[in-house]
Amino acid sequence: MNEFIMFWDCLGINSGQIQVVLNLIVIVLATIAALYAKKQIAIAQQLREDEIRLSRHRLTVSILDLAYSCKKDIFKLRKDFYDFEIEFSKLLQIRGFKLDDLMPEFDYTFREWLKFPTETLSRIEKTNRDLVAKLHTNNGDSDLSLHELETILIKLMDIASSLEHSKQGIIERIEEIRTSYNTI
């Protein structure tokens, strides 16, 4: 018991030094914890940047996929309409007309009448081409932001919708022409 009392007295006499040593140990541990937290924050920020970069690439792929799908549909519609124009030209020749003749009771030629549906297609094609060009010119070091990519995707979705509407219009025009000029 006597040793315990001596130890306690020693602690009392040296309490200032002991507190300093304990404070230094706490400061070292706090510094280690702060450095570890800083490292974890840096890792989290790097993961977030990687996630954003990956999201940007996924969005870019989606945009390009939709843009090239629209482009493919435009080419197919142009080809189908061109084939129909040839078929219609033959039908007109059988009836004694040419594509450059004025339509009865109208102020435009058969060719101009056939071109009405493809004018919308041309506007859609130009917009699609411009958006893809914007995407390609900004690729690389100066990547577009997620917001800009989302804006492009929304515009492309509008283009796809317009394209589908034009497709229906062209199909209806072809059917209308076939039914009305098969009776001539």
N, C-alpha and C. Protein backbone atom coordinates (compact mmCIF):
# COMPACT_ATOMS: atom_id res chain seq x y z
N MET A 1 0.81 -1.17 0.00
CA MET A 1 0.00 0.00 0.00
C MET A 1 0.87 1.26 0.00
N ASN A 2 1.99 1.15 0.67
CA ASN A 2 2.92 2.24 0.75
C ASN A 2 3.42 2.61 -0.66
N GLU A 3 3.64 1.64 -1.49
CA GLU A 3 4.10 1.91 -2.85
C GLU A 3 3.04 2.66 -3.65
N PHE A 4 1.81 2.33 -3.37
CA PHE A 4 0.71 2.99 -4.08
C PHE A 4 0.66 4.47 -3.69
N ILE A 5 0.87 4.76 -2.44
CA ILE A 5 0.86 6.14 -1.97
C ILE A 5 2.04 6.90 -2.58
N MET A 6 3.17 6.25 -2.64
CA MET A 6 4.35 6.90 -3.24
C MET A 6 4.11 7.14 -4.74
N PHE A 7 3.50 6.19 -5.37
CA PHE A 7 3.19 6.34 -6.80
C PHE A 7 2.22 7.50 -7.01
N TRP A 8 1.24 7.59 -6.14
CA TRP A 8 0.24 8.65 -6.24
C TRP A 8 0.89 10.01 -6.00
N ASP A 9 1.78 10.10 -5.06
CA ASP A 9 2.49 11.34 -4.80
C ASP A 9 3.35 11.73 -6.01
N CYS A 10 3.97 10.74 -6.59
CA CYS A 10 4.81 10.99 -7.78
C CYS A 10 3.96 11.51 -8.93
N LEU A 11 2.78 10.92 -9.07
CA LEU A 11 1.87 11.39 -10.12
C LEU A 11 1.44 12.83 -9.85
N GLY A 12 1.16 13.13 -8.63
CA GLY A 12 0.74 14.48 -8.27
C GLY A 12 1.83 15.50 -8.55
N ILE A 13 3.07 15.13 -8.24
CA ILE A 13 4.20 16.05 -8.46
C ILE A 13 4.45 16.23 -9.95
N ASN A 14 4.31 15.16 -10.74
CA ASN A 14 4.62 15.20 -12.17
C ASN A 14 3.35 15.31 -13.04
N SER A 15 2.26 15.73 -12.48
CA SER A 15 1.00 15.75 -13.25
C SER A 15 1.07 16.69 -14.46
N GLY A 16 1.77 17.78 -14.34
CA GLY A 16 1.91 18.71 -15.47
C GLY A 16 2.61 18.05 -16.64
N GLN A 17 3.71 17.33 -16.36
CA GLN A 17 4.45 16.65 -17.43
C GLN A 17 3.61 15.52 -18.02
N ILE A 18 2.89 14.81 -17.17
CA ILE A 18 2.05 13.70 -17.66
C ILE A 18 0.95 14.25 -18.57
N GLN A 19 0.36 15.37 -18.18
CA GLN A 19 -0.68 15.97 -19.02
C GLN A 19 -0.11 16.39 -20.37
N VAL A 20 1.08 16.94 -20.37
CA VAL A 20 1.72 17.34 -21.62
C VAL A 20 1.95 16.13 -22.51
N VAL A 21 2.46 15.05 -21.94
CA VAL A 21 2.71 13.82 -22.72
C VAL A 21 1.40 13.27 -23.27
N LEU A 22 0.37 13.21 -22.42
CA LEU A 22 -0.94 12.71 -22.88
C LEU A 22 -1.53 13.61 -23.97
N ASN A 23 -1.37 14.92 -23.81
CA ASN A 23 -1.86 15.86 -24.83
C ASN A 23 -1.12 15.65 -26.16
N LEU A 24 0.18 15.42 -26.08
CA LEU A 24 0.94 15.15 -27.31
C LEU A 24 0.45 13.87 -27.99
N ILE A 25 0.19 12.86 -27.18
CA ILE A 25 -0.32 11.60 -27.74
C ILE A 25 -1.68 11.84 -28.41
N VAL A 26 -2.54 12.61 -27.75
CA VAL A 26 -3.87 12.92 -28.31
C VAL A 26 -3.72 13.73 -29.59
N ILE A 27 -2.82 14.69 -29.61
CA ILE A 27 -2.60 15.50 -30.82
C ILE A 27 -2.12 14.62 -31.97
N VAL A 28 -1.19 13.72 -31.69
CA VAL A 28 -0.69 12.80 -32.73
C VAL A 28 -1.84 11.93 -33.25
N LEU A 29 -2.64 11.38 -32.34
CA LEU A 29 -3.77 10.54 -32.77
C LEU A 29 -4.80 11.35 -33.56
N ALA A 30 -5.07 12.59 -33.14
CA ALA A 30 -6.01 13.45 -33.85
C ALA A 30 -5.48 13.79 -35.24
N THR A 31 -4.17 14.04 -35.33
CA THR A 31 -3.56 14.33 -36.64
C THR A 31 -3.67 13.12 -37.56
N ILE A 32 -3.41 11.95 -37.02
CA ILE A 32 -3.54 10.72 -37.81
C ILE A 32 -4.98 10.55 -38.29
N ALA A 33 -5.94 10.80 -37.39
CA ALA A 33 -7.35 10.68 -37.76
C ALA A 33 -7.73 11.71 -38.83
N ALA A 34 -7.23 12.95 -38.69
CA ALA A 34 -7.52 13.99 -39.68
C ALA A 34 -6.92 13.64 -41.04
N LEU A 35 -5.69 13.14 -41.04
CA LEU A 35 -5.06 12.74 -42.31
C LEU A 35 -5.82 11.58 -42.95
N TYR A 36 -6.28 10.65 -42.14
CA TYR A 36 -7.06 9.53 -42.66
C TYR A 36 -8.38 10.02 -43.24
N ALA A 37 -9.03 10.96 -42.53
CA ALA A 37 -10.29 11.53 -43.03
C ALA A 37 -10.06 12.27 -44.34
N LYS A 38 -8.95 13.02 -44.42
CA LYS A 38 -8.63 13.76 -45.64
C LYS A 38 -8.41 12.78 -46.80
N LYS A 39 -7.73 11.68 -46.52
CA LYS A 39 -7.48 10.66 -47.54
C LYS A 39 -8.81 10.04 -48.01
N GLN A 40 -9.71 9.77 -47.07
CA GLN A 40 -11.01 9.19 -47.42
C GLN A 40 -11.85 10.17 -48.24
N ILE A 41 -11.78 11.45 -47.91
CA ILE A 41 -12.49 12.47 -48.68
C ILE A 41 -11.94 12.54 -50.10
N ALA A 42 -10.62 12.49 -50.24
CA ALA A 42 -10.00 12.51 -51.57
C ALA A 42 -10.43 11.30 -52.38
N ILE A 43 -10.47 10.13 -51.74
CA ILE A 43 -10.91 8.91 -52.44
C ILE A 43 -12.37 9.06 -52.88
N ALA A 44 -13.21 9.59 -51.99
CA ALA A 44 -14.63 9.77 -52.32
C ALA A 44 -14.80 10.76 -53.47
N GLN A 45 -14.02 11.84 -53.46
CA GLN A 45 -14.09 12.81 -54.55
C GLN A 45 -13.64 12.20 -55.86
N GLN A 46 -12.59 11.40 -55.81
CA GLN A 46 -12.10 10.73 -57.02
C GLN A 46 -13.15 9.76 -57.56
N LEU A 47 -13.79 9.02 -56.66
CA LEU A 47 -14.85 8.11 -57.09
C LEU A 47 -16.01 8.87 -57.72
N ARG A 48 -16.36 10.01 -57.15
CA ARG A 48 -17.45 10.84 -57.69
C ARG A 48 -17.08 11.36 -59.07
N GLU A 49 -15.84 11.83 -59.23
CA GLU A 49 -15.39 12.30 -60.55
C GLU A 49 -15.42 11.17 -61.57
N ASP A 50 -14.99 9.99 -61.16
CA ASP A 50 -15.03 8.83 -62.06
C ASP A 50 -16.46 8.48 -62.42
N GLU A 51 -17.36 8.57 -61.44
CA GLU A 51 -18.77 8.28 -61.69
C GLU A 51 -19.37 9.29 -62.66
N ILE A 52 -19.04 10.56 -62.50
CA ILE A 52 -19.53 11.59 -63.41
C ILE A 52 -18.98 11.37 -64.81
N ARG A 53 -17.68 11.07 -64.91
CA ARG A 53 -17.07 10.81 -66.21
C ARG A 53 -17.73 9.61 -66.89
N LEU A 54 -17.98 8.56 -66.12
CA LEU A 54 -18.64 7.38 -66.66
C LEU A 54 -20.07 7.70 -67.09
N SER A 55 -20.77 8.49 -66.30
CA SER A 55 -22.13 8.91 -66.67
C SER A 55 -22.11 9.72 -67.96
N ARG A 56 -21.11 10.59 -68.08
CA ARG A 56 -20.99 11.39 -69.29
C ARG A 56 -20.75 10.51 -70.50
N HIS A 57 -19.90 9.50 -70.34
CA HIS A 57 -19.62 8.59 -71.46
C HIS A 57 -20.86 7.77 -71.81
N ARG A 58 -21.57 7.30 -70.79
CA ARG A 58 -22.81 6.54 -71.07
C ARG A 58 -23.82 7.41 -71.79
N LEU A 59 -23.97 8.64 -71.35
CA LEU A 59 -24.91 9.56 -71.98
C LEU A 59 -24.47 9.86 -73.41
N THR A 60 -23.18 10.01 -73.63
CA THR A 60 -22.67 10.24 -74.98
C THR A 60 -22.98 9.06 -75.88
N VAL A 61 -22.79 7.85 -75.38
CA VAL A 61 -23.09 6.65 -76.16
C VAL A 61 -24.58 6.59 -76.48
N SER A 62 -25.42 6.92 -75.50
CA SER A 62 -26.87 6.93 -75.74
C SER A 62 -27.24 7.96 -76.80
N ILE A 63 -26.62 9.12 -76.73
CA ILE A 63 -26.89 10.17 -77.71
C ILE A 63 -26.47 9.71 -79.10
N LEU A 64 -25.26 9.17 -79.21
CA LEU A 64 -24.79 8.72 -80.52
C LEU A 64 -25.64 7.58 -81.05
N ASP A 65 -26.05 6.68 -80.18
CA ASP A 65 -26.91 5.57 -80.59
C ASP A 65 -28.23 6.10 -81.16
N LEU A 66 -28.85 7.04 -80.45
CA LEU A 66 -30.11 7.61 -80.91
C LEU A 66 -29.90 8.42 -82.19
N ALA A 67 -28.81 9.18 -82.26
CA ALA A 67 -28.54 10.00 -83.45
C ALA A 67 -28.33 9.13 -84.68
N TYR A 68 -27.55 8.06 -84.53
CA TYR A 68 -27.30 7.20 -85.68
C TYR A 68 -28.53 6.38 -86.04
N SER A 69 -29.35 6.07 -85.07
CA SER A 69 -30.62 5.40 -85.35
C SER A 69 -31.53 6.32 -86.16
N CYS A 70 -31.57 7.59 -85.77
CA CYS A 70 -32.36 8.57 -86.53
C CYS A 70 -31.81 8.72 -87.95
N LYS A 71 -30.49 8.77 -88.05
CA LYS A 71 -29.86 8.91 -89.36
C LYS A 71 -30.21 7.72 -90.25
N LYS A 72 -30.17 6.54 -89.67
CA LYS A 72 -30.51 5.33 -90.41
C LYS A 72 -31.97 5.37 -90.87
N ASP A 73 -32.86 5.81 -89.98
CA ASP A 73 -34.28 5.92 -90.34
C ASP A 73 -34.49 6.95 -91.45
N ILE A 74 -33.75 8.05 -91.38
CA ILE A 74 -33.87 9.09 -92.41
C ILE A 74 -33.45 8.53 -93.76
N PHE A 75 -32.32 7.83 -93.81
CA PHE A 75 -31.87 7.25 -95.07
C PHE A 75 -32.87 6.24 -95.61
N LYS A 76 -33.42 5.43 -94.73
CA LYS A 76 -34.41 4.43 -95.15
C LYS A 76 -35.66 5.12 -95.70
N LEU A 77 -36.12 6.15 -95.01
CA LEU A 77 -37.30 6.88 -95.49
C LEU A 77 -37.03 7.55 -96.83
N ARG A 78 -35.85 8.13 -96.97
CA ARG A 78 -35.51 8.76 -98.26
C ARG A 78 -35.50 7.72 -99.39
N LYS A 79 -34.91 6.57 -99.11
CA LYS A 79 -34.86 5.52 -100.12
C LYS A 79 -36.26 5.03 -100.47
N ASP A 80 -37.07 4.77 -99.44
CA ASP A 80 -38.45 4.32 -99.68
C ASP A 80 -39.23 5.35 -100.48
N PHE A 81 -39.06 6.63 -100.14
CA PHE A 81 -39.79 7.66 -100.85
C PHE A 81 -39.26 7.82 -102.28
N TYR A 82 -37.95 7.67 -102.46
CA TYR A 82 -37.39 7.73 -103.81
C TYR A 82 -37.93 6.57 -104.65
N ASP A 83 -37.97 5.38 -104.07
CA ASP A 83 -38.54 4.23 -104.79
C ASP A 83 -39.99 4.49 -105.15
N PHE A 84 -40.72 5.08 -104.22
CA PHE A 84 -42.12 5.39 -104.51
C PHE A 84 -42.22 6.45 -105.60
N GLU A 85 -41.32 7.43 -105.58
CA GLU A 85 -41.34 8.47 -106.61
C GLU A 85 -41.15 7.86 -107.99
N ILE A 86 -40.27 6.88 -108.10
CA ILE A 86 -40.07 6.18 -109.37
C ILE A 86 -41.35 5.45 -109.76
N GLU A 87 -41.94 4.76 -108.81
CA GLU A 87 -43.20 4.04 -109.06
C GLU A 87 -44.30 5.01 -109.48
N PHE A 88 -44.38 6.14 -108.80
CA PHE A 88 -45.40 7.14 -109.11
C PHE A 88 -45.15 7.76 -110.48
N SER A 89 -43.88 7.98 -110.82
CA SER A 89 -43.54 8.52 -112.13
C SER A 89 -44.02 7.59 -113.24
N LYS A 90 -43.82 6.30 -113.04
CA LYS A 90 -44.29 5.32 -114.03
C LYS A 90 -45.81 5.34 -114.13
N LEU A 91 -46.47 5.46 -112.99
CA LEU A 91 -47.93 5.53 -112.97
C LEU A 91 -48.42 6.77 -113.71
N LEU A 92 -47.72 7.90 -113.51
CA LEU A 92 -48.08 9.14 -114.21
C LEU A 92 -47.86 9.00 -115.72
N GLN A 93 -46.76 8.36 -116.11
CA GLN A 93 -46.49 8.18 -117.54
C GLN A 93 -47.59 7.35 -118.20
N ILE A 94 -48.06 6.34 -117.50
CA ILE A 94 -49.16 5.52 -118.03
C ILE A 94 -50.39 6.39 -118.23
N ARG A 95 -50.59 7.37 -117.33
CA ARG A 95 -51.76 8.25 -117.40
C ARG A 95 -51.51 9.47 -118.31
N GLY A 96 -50.31 9.58 -118.87
CA GLY A 96 -50.01 10.67 -119.78
C GLY A 96 -49.46 11.92 -119.11
N PHE A 97 -48.97 11.81 -117.91
CA PHE A 97 -48.39 12.94 -117.18
C PHE A 97 -46.90 12.71 -116.96
N LYS A 98 -46.20 13.81 -116.61
CA LYS A 98 -44.80 13.74 -116.19
C LYS A 98 -44.69 14.37 -114.81
N LEU A 99 -43.62 14.07 -114.11
CA LEU A 99 -43.43 14.63 -112.77
C LEU A 99 -43.33 16.16 -112.78
N ASP A 100 -42.86 16.74 -113.89
CA ASP A 100 -42.70 18.18 -113.96
C ASP A 100 -43.94 18.90 -114.48
N ASP A 101 -45.00 18.16 -114.78
CA ASP A 101 -46.27 18.77 -115.21
C ASP A 101 -46.99 19.34 -113.99
N LEU A 102 -47.76 20.41 -114.25
CA LEU A 102 -48.57 20.97 -113.17
C LEU A 102 -49.69 19.99 -112.82
N MET A 103 -49.96 19.90 -111.55
CA MET A 103 -51.05 19.04 -111.11
C MET A 103 -52.37 19.70 -111.49
N PRO A 104 -53.33 18.91 -111.92
CA PRO A 104 -54.64 19.49 -112.24
C PRO A 104 -55.22 20.20 -111.01
N GLU A 105 -55.67 21.44 -111.22
CA GLU A 105 -56.32 22.26 -110.19
C GLU A 105 -55.37 22.74 -109.09
N PHE A 106 -54.06 22.65 -109.30
CA PHE A 106 -53.09 23.14 -108.31
C PHE A 106 -52.03 23.98 -109.00
N ASP A 107 -51.29 24.77 -108.21
CA ASP A 107 -50.26 25.65 -108.77
C ASP A 107 -48.86 25.07 -108.64
N TYR A 108 -48.72 23.80 -108.43
CA TYR A 108 -47.40 23.20 -108.32
C TYR A 108 -47.38 21.88 -109.08
N THR A 109 -46.14 21.46 -109.35
CA THR A 109 -45.96 20.23 -110.14
C THR A 109 -46.10 19.00 -109.25
N PHE A 110 -46.18 17.86 -109.94
CA PHE A 110 -46.23 16.60 -109.20
C PHE A 110 -44.96 16.43 -108.36
N ARG A 111 -43.81 16.80 -108.93
CA ARG A 111 -42.53 16.66 -108.22
C ARG A 111 -42.52 17.52 -106.95
N GLU A 112 -42.99 18.77 -107.07
CA GLU A 112 -43.06 19.64 -105.89
C GLU A 112 -44.01 19.06 -104.84
N TRP A 113 -45.09 18.50 -105.28
CA TRP A 113 -46.06 17.90 -104.36
C TRP A 113 -45.46 16.71 -103.62
N LEU A 114 -44.65 15.95 -104.36
CA LEU A 114 -44.00 14.80 -103.74
C LEU A 114 -42.92 15.23 -102.73
N LYS A 115 -42.34 16.40 -102.93
CA LYS A 115 -41.24 16.84 -102.08
C LYS A 115 -41.70 17.41 -100.74
N PHE A 116 -42.98 17.76 -100.60
CA PHE A 116 -43.45 18.35 -99.34
C PHE A 116 -43.08 17.51 -98.12
N PRO A 117 -43.33 16.21 -98.11
CA PRO A 117 -42.99 15.43 -96.90
C PRO A 117 -41.49 15.35 -96.63
N THR A 118 -40.68 15.42 -97.69
CA THR A 118 -39.24 15.27 -97.48
C THR A 118 -38.58 16.55 -96.98
N GLU A 119 -39.29 17.69 -97.08
CA GLU A 119 -38.72 18.93 -96.55
C GLU A 119 -38.56 18.85 -95.03
N THR A 120 -39.56 18.30 -94.37
CA THR A 120 -39.45 18.12 -92.92
C THR A 120 -38.31 17.17 -92.60
N LEU A 121 -38.18 16.13 -93.41
CA LEU A 121 -37.11 15.16 -93.22
C LEU A 121 -35.74 15.84 -93.34
N SER A 122 -35.62 16.77 -94.28
CA SER A 122 -34.36 17.49 -94.46
C SER A 122 -34.03 18.34 -93.23
N ARG A 123 -35.03 19.01 -92.66
CA ARG A 123 -34.80 19.81 -91.45
C ARG A 123 -34.37 18.92 -90.29
N ILE A 124 -35.04 17.79 -90.15
CA ILE A 124 -34.69 16.85 -89.08
C ILE A 124 -33.26 16.35 -89.27
N GLU A 125 -32.92 16.02 -90.51
CA GLU A 125 -31.57 15.51 -90.80
C GLU A 125 -30.51 16.56 -90.48
N LYS A 126 -30.77 17.82 -90.84
CA LYS A 126 -29.81 18.89 -90.56
C LYS A 126 -29.62 19.08 -89.05
N THR A 127 -30.71 19.10 -88.31
CA THR A 127 -30.62 19.26 -86.85
C THR A 127 -29.86 18.10 -86.23
N ASN A 128 -30.16 16.90 -86.67
CA ASN A 128 -29.47 15.70 -86.18
C ASN A 128 -27.97 15.80 -86.47
N ARG A 129 -27.64 16.18 -87.69
CA ARG A 129 -26.23 16.30 -88.08
C ARG A 129 -25.52 17.37 -87.25
N ASP A 130 -26.20 18.50 -87.00
CA ASP A 130 -25.60 19.58 -86.20
C ASP A 130 -25.33 19.13 -84.76
N LEU A 131 -26.27 18.38 -84.18
CA LEU A 131 -26.08 17.91 -82.80
C LEU A 131 -24.93 16.92 -82.71
N VAL A 132 -24.83 16.03 -83.67
CA VAL A 132 -23.73 15.05 -83.67
C VAL A 132 -22.40 15.78 -83.88
N ALA A 133 -22.39 16.78 -84.76
CA ALA A 133 -21.16 17.55 -84.98
C ALA A 133 -20.75 18.28 -83.70
N LYS A 134 -21.72 18.83 -82.99
CA LYS A 134 -21.41 19.51 -81.72
C LYS A 134 -20.82 18.52 -80.72
N LEU A 135 -21.36 17.33 -80.70
CA LEU A 135 -20.86 16.31 -79.79
C LEU A 135 -19.44 15.91 -80.15
N HIS A 136 -19.16 15.75 -81.45
CA HIS A 136 -17.82 15.34 -81.89
C HIS A 136 -16.79 16.45 -81.69
N THR A 137 -17.17 17.71 -81.91
CA THR A 137 -16.19 18.79 -81.75
C THR A 137 -15.85 19.04 -80.29
N ASN A 138 -16.75 18.69 -79.38
CA ASN A 138 -16.50 18.91 -77.96
C ASN A 138 -15.99 17.66 -77.26
N ASN A 139 -15.68 16.62 -77.98
CA ASN A 139 -15.21 15.38 -77.37
C ASN A 139 -13.73 15.51 -77.04
N GLY A 140 -13.29 14.85 -76.02
CA GLY A 140 -11.87 14.88 -75.66
C GLY A 140 -11.65 15.64 -74.38
N ASP A 141 -10.65 16.55 -74.41
CA ASP A 141 -10.29 17.28 -73.19
C ASP A 141 -11.41 18.20 -72.70
N SER A 142 -12.14 18.79 -73.63
CA SER A 142 -13.20 19.73 -73.24
C SER A 142 -14.56 19.04 -73.31
N ASP A 143 -14.72 17.99 -72.50
CA ASP A 143 -15.98 17.26 -72.48
C ASP A 143 -17.13 18.18 -72.12
N LEU A 144 -18.28 17.89 -72.71
CA LEU A 144 -19.48 18.63 -72.37
C LEU A 144 -19.93 18.24 -70.97
N SER A 145 -20.59 19.15 -70.31
CA SER A 145 -21.10 18.84 -68.97
C SER A 145 -22.30 17.90 -69.09
N LEU A 146 -22.67 17.31 -67.97
CA LEU A 146 -23.84 16.43 -67.97
C LEU A 146 -25.08 17.20 -68.39
N HIS A 147 -25.21 18.44 -67.96
CA HIS A 147 -26.38 19.25 -68.33
C HIS A 147 -26.43 19.47 -69.84
N GLU A 148 -25.29 19.79 -70.44
CA GLU A 148 -25.25 20.00 -71.89
C GLU A 148 -25.58 18.71 -72.63
N LEU A 149 -25.07 17.59 -72.15
CA LEU A 149 -25.37 16.30 -72.78
C LEU A 149 -26.86 15.97 -72.63
N GLU A 150 -27.42 16.26 -71.47
CA GLU A 150 -28.85 16.02 -71.28
C GLU A 150 -29.68 16.87 -72.23
N THR A 151 -29.25 18.12 -72.44
CA THR A 151 -29.94 19.01 -73.37
C THR A 151 -29.89 18.44 -74.79
N ILE A 152 -28.73 17.95 -75.19
CA ILE A 152 -28.59 17.34 -76.52
C ILE A 152 -29.48 16.11 -76.63
N LEU A 153 -29.51 15.29 -75.58
CA LEU A 153 -30.34 14.09 -75.60
C LEU A 153 -31.82 14.45 -75.72
N ILE A 154 -32.26 15.48 -75.01
CA ILE A 154 -33.65 15.92 -75.11
C ILE A 154 -33.96 16.39 -76.52
N LYS A 155 -33.04 17.15 -77.13
CA LYS A 155 -33.24 17.59 -78.51
C LYS A 155 -33.31 16.40 -79.46
N LEU A 156 -32.45 15.42 -79.23
CA LEU A 156 -32.48 14.22 -80.08
C LEU A 156 -33.76 13.43 -79.89
N MET A 157 -34.27 13.41 -78.68
CA MET A 157 -35.55 12.72 -78.46
C MET A 157 -36.67 13.45 -79.20
N ASP A 158 -36.60 14.79 -79.23
CA ASP A 158 -37.56 15.55 -80.02
C ASP A 158 -37.41 15.24 -81.51
N ILE A 159 -36.16 15.11 -81.95
CA ILE A 159 -35.90 14.76 -83.35
C ILE A 159 -36.48 13.39 -83.66
N ALA A 160 -36.25 12.43 -82.77
CA ALA A 160 -36.77 11.07 -82.99
C ALA A 160 -38.29 11.09 -83.06
N SER A 161 -38.91 11.90 -82.21
CA SER A 161 -40.37 12.03 -82.23
C SER A 161 -40.83 12.66 -83.54
N SER A 162 -40.16 13.74 -83.96
CA SER A 162 -40.50 14.38 -85.24
C SER A 162 -40.28 13.44 -86.40
N LEU A 163 -39.21 12.66 -86.31
CA LEU A 163 -38.92 11.69 -87.37
C LEU A 163 -40.03 10.66 -87.47
N GLU A 164 -40.48 10.17 -86.33
CA GLU A 164 -41.57 9.19 -86.33
C GLU A 164 -42.84 9.82 -86.90
N HIS A 165 -43.10 11.07 -86.55
CA HIS A 165 -44.26 11.78 -87.08
C HIS A 165 -44.12 11.95 -88.59
N SER A 166 -42.93 12.33 -89.05
CA SER A 166 -42.69 12.49 -90.49
C SER A 166 -42.83 11.16 -91.21
N LYS A 167 -42.34 10.11 -90.57
CA LYS A 167 -42.43 8.77 -91.15
C LYS A 167 -43.91 8.42 -91.38
N GLN A 168 -44.73 8.68 -90.38
CA GLN A 168 -46.16 8.42 -90.53
C GLN A 168 -46.75 9.29 -91.63
N GLY A 169 -46.33 10.56 -91.68
CA GLY A 169 -46.81 11.47 -92.71
C GLY A 169 -46.43 11.00 -94.10
N ILE A 170 -45.21 10.53 -94.25
CA ILE A 170 -44.75 10.06 -95.56
C ILE A 170 -45.51 8.80 -95.95
N ILE A 171 -45.70 7.89 -95.01
CA ILE A 171 -46.45 6.67 -95.31
C ILE A 171 -47.88 7.02 -95.71
N GLU A 172 -48.49 7.95 -94.98
CA GLU A 172 -49.85 8.37 -95.33
C GLU A 172 -49.87 9.05 -96.69
N ARG A 173 -48.85 9.87 -96.99
CA ARG A 173 -48.79 10.55 -98.29
C ARG A 173 -48.67 9.52 -99.41
N ILE A 174 -47.83 8.51 -99.20
CA ILE A 174 -47.67 7.47 -100.21
C ILE A 174 -49.00 6.76 -100.44
N GLU A 175 -49.68 6.40 -99.37
CA GLU A 175 -50.98 5.72 -99.51
C GLU A 175 -52.01 6.63 -100.17
N GLU A 176 -52.00 7.90 -99.79
CA GLU A 176 -52.93 8.87 -100.38
C GLU A 176 -52.68 8.99 -101.88
N ILE A 177 -51.42 9.08 -102.25
CA ILE A 177 -51.07 9.22 -103.67
C ILE A 177 -51.45 7.95 -104.42
N ARG A 178 -51.15 6.82 -103.84
CA ARG A 178 -51.47 5.55 -104.51
C ARG A 178 -52.98 5.42 -104.74
N THR A 179 -53.76 5.72 -103.73
CA THR A 179 -55.21 5.56 -103.88
C THR A 179 -55.79 6.60 -104.82
N SER A 180 -55.33 7.86 -104.73
CA SER A 180 -55.93 8.89 -105.58
C SER A 180 -55.48 8.80 -107.03
N TYR A 181 -54.26 8.35 -107.29
CA TYR A 181 -53.79 8.30 -108.66
C TYR A 181 -53.95 6.93 -109.30
N ASN A 182 -54.35 5.96 -108.55
CA ASN A 182 -54.72 4.68 -109.17
C ASN A 182 -56.09 4.80 -109.81
N THR A 183 -56.85 5.83 -109.44
CA THR A 183 -58.18 6.02 -110.02
C THR A 183 -58.15 6.93 -111.23
N ILE A 184 -57.00 7.52 -111.55
CA ILE A 184 -56.92 8.43 -112.72
C ILE A 184 -57.04 7.63 -114.00
